[in-house]
Amino acid sequence: MLEQLAFDERRLRQVLSALDCGAAEILVRGVAIDPDALRRRLRLRGSRPLAVVITRIGAGSLSHVTAYVCRPSR
């Protein structure tokens, strides 16, 4: 895992840009986010492929959405 952050689209874009990400495999669990639409909005321009896992941690009012930026498994 390279980065862990509370999910915020603008912050995620900054982190991916700083890591020179040009392609992202986006995995979503327990959150109503369209991975393809998010990938387009991130406007990735780097050269490095990365994986992003976006998931809900916790339950009910105590839950929060977290994004993990990782190296791809392949």
C-alpha atoms as a PDB file:
ATOM      1  CA  MET A   1       0.000   0.000   0.000  1.00  0.00           C
ATOM      2  CA  LEU A   2       1.378   3.375  -1.012  1.00  0.00           C
ATOM      3  CA  GLU A   3      -1.233   5.734   0.477  1.00  0.00           C
ATOM      4  CA  GLN A   4      -4.339   5.614   2.679  1.00  0.00           C
ATOM      5  CA  LEU A   5      -6.693   8.584   2.792  1.00  0.00           C
ATOM      6  CA  ALA A   6     -10.254   9.541   3.598  1.00  0.00           C
ATOM      7  CA  PHE A   7     -11.995   9.479   0.233  1.00  0.00           C
ATOM      8  CA  ASP A   8     -12.152  12.895  -1.368  1.00  0.00           C
ATOM      9  CA  GLU A   9     -11.998  13.080  -5.148  1.00  0.00           C
ATOM     10  CA  ARG A  10      -9.811  16.192  -5.232  1.00  0.00           C
ATOM     11  CA  ARG A  11      -7.360  14.785  -2.677  1.00  0.00           C
ATOM     12  CA  LEU A  12      -7.239  11.435  -4.507  1.00  0.00           C
ATOM     13  CA  ARG A  13      -6.423  13.261  -7.774  1.00  0.00           C
ATOM     14  CA  GLN A  14      -3.550  15.084  -6.020  1.00  0.00           C
ATOM     15  CA  VAL A  15      -2.139  11.873  -4.534  1.00  0.00           C
ATOM     16  CA  LEU A  16      -2.327   9.992  -7.844  1.00  0.00           C
ATOM     17  CA  SER A  17      -0.692  12.894  -9.665  1.00  0.00           C
ATOM     18  CA  ALA A  18       2.134  13.024  -7.098  1.00  0.00           C
ATOM     19  CA  LEU A  19       2.657   9.268  -7.606  1.00  0.00           C
ATOM     20  CA  ASP A  20       2.827   9.745 -11.423  1.00  0.00           C
ATOM     21  CA  CYS A  21      -0.257   7.576 -11.978  1.00  0.00           C
ATOM     22  CA  GLY A  22      -1.345   7.263 -15.601  1.00  0.00           C
ATOM     23  CA  ALA A  23      -3.732   4.310 -15.339  1.00  0.00           C
ATOM     24  CA  ALA A  24      -5.782   3.221 -12.346  1.00  0.00           C
ATOM     25  CA  GLU A  25      -7.626   0.008 -11.640  1.00  0.00           C
ATOM     26  CA  ILE A  26     -10.432   1.223  -9.355  1.00  0.00           C
ATOM     27  CA  LEU A  27     -12.138  -1.274  -7.044  1.00  0.00           C
ATOM     28  CA  VAL A  28     -15.198  -0.151  -5.091  1.00  0.00           C
ATOM     29  CA  ARG A  29     -16.804  -1.991  -2.171  1.00  0.00           C
ATOM     30  CA  GLY A  30     -19.857  -0.791  -0.232  1.00  0.00           C
ATOM     31  CA  VAL A  31     -19.904   2.658  -1.842  1.00  0.00           C
ATOM     32  CA  ALA A  32     -22.110   3.981  -4.655  1.00  0.00           C
ATOM     33  CA  ILE A  33     -19.315   5.160  -6.949  1.00  0.00           C
ATOM     34  CA  ASP A  34     -19.031   4.318 -10.645  1.00  0.00           C
ATOM     35  CA  PRO A  35     -15.358   3.342 -11.165  1.00  0.00           C
ATOM     36  CA  ASP A  36     -15.356   4.224 -14.886  1.00  0.00           C
ATOM     37  CA  ALA A  37     -16.844   7.680 -14.303  1.00  0.00           C
ATOM     38  CA  LEU A  38     -14.413   8.340 -11.434  1.00  0.00           C
ATOM     39  CA  ARG A  39     -11.460   7.281 -13.598  1.00  0.00           C
ATOM     40  CA  ARG A  40     -12.502   9.815 -16.278  1.00  0.00           C
ATOM     41  CA  ARG A  41     -12.916  12.602 -13.708  1.00  0.00           C
ATOM     42  CA  LEU A  42      -9.466  11.948 -12.218  1.00  0.00           C
ATOM     43  CA  ARG A  43      -7.809  12.909 -15.547  1.00  0.00           C
ATOM     44  CA  LEU A  44      -4.728  10.739 -15.017  1.00  0.00           C
ATOM     45  CA  ARG A  45      -1.703  11.790 -17.075  1.00  0.00           C
ATOM     46  CA  GLY A  46       1.291  10.002 -15.557  1.00  0.00           C
ATOM     47  CA  SER A  47       3.166   6.896 -16.628  1.00  0.00           C
ATOM     48  CA  ARG A  48       2.684   4.511 -13.694  1.00  0.00           C
ATOM     49  CA  PRO A  49      -0.192   2.026 -13.310  1.00  0.00           C
ATOM     50  CA  LEU A  50      -1.721   1.866  -9.813  1.00  0.00           C
ATOM     51  CA  ALA A  51      -4.709   0.295  -8.082  1.00  0.00           C
ATOM     52  CA  VAL A  52      -7.201   2.240  -5.973  1.00  0.00           C
ATOM     53  CA  VAL A  53      -9.508   0.487  -3.512  1.00  0.00           C
ATOM     54  CA  ILE A  54     -12.411   2.580  -2.206  1.00  0.00           C
ATOM     55  CA  THR A  55     -14.382   1.029   0.633  1.00  0.00           C
ATOM     56  CA  ARG A  56     -16.685   1.864   3.501  1.00  0.00           C
ATOM     57  CA  ILE A  57     -15.156   1.232   6.933  1.00  0.00           C
ATOM     58  CA  GLY A  58     -17.521   0.721   9.874  1.00  0.00           C
ATOM     59  CA  ALA A  59     -21.292   0.654  10.022  1.00  0.00           C
ATOM     60  CA  GLY A  60     -24.104   3.129  10.425  1.00  0.00           C
ATOM     61  CA  SER A  61     -23.369   6.696  11.447  1.00  0.00           C
ATOM     62  CA  LEU A  62     -19.805   5.780  12.452  1.00  0.00           C
ATOM     63  CA  SER A  63     -18.824   4.616   8.963  1.00  0.00           C
ATOM     64  CA  HIS A  64     -16.460   6.491   6.686  1.00  0.00           C
ATOM     65  CA  VAL A  65     -15.160   5.977   3.162  1.00  0.00           C
ATOM     66  CA  THR A  66     -11.452   5.275   2.783  1.00  0.00           C
ATOM     67  CA  ALA A  67      -9.291   5.064  -0.337  1.00  0.00           C
ATOM     68  CA  TYR A  68      -6.183   2.887  -0.523  1.00  0.00           C
ATOM     69  CA  VAL A  69      -3.658   3.475  -3.297  1.00  0.00           C
ATOM     70  CA  CYS A  70      -1.621   0.356  -4.046  1.00  0.00           C
ATOM     71  CA  ARG A  71       0.662  -1.179  -6.611  1.00  0.00           C
ATOM     72  CA  PRO A  72      -1.340  -3.262  -9.104  1.00  0.00           C
ATOM     73  CA  SER A  73      -1.328  -7.017  -8.513  1.00  0.00           C
ATOM     74  CA  ARG A  74      -0.169  -7.828 -12.060  1.00  0.00           C
END
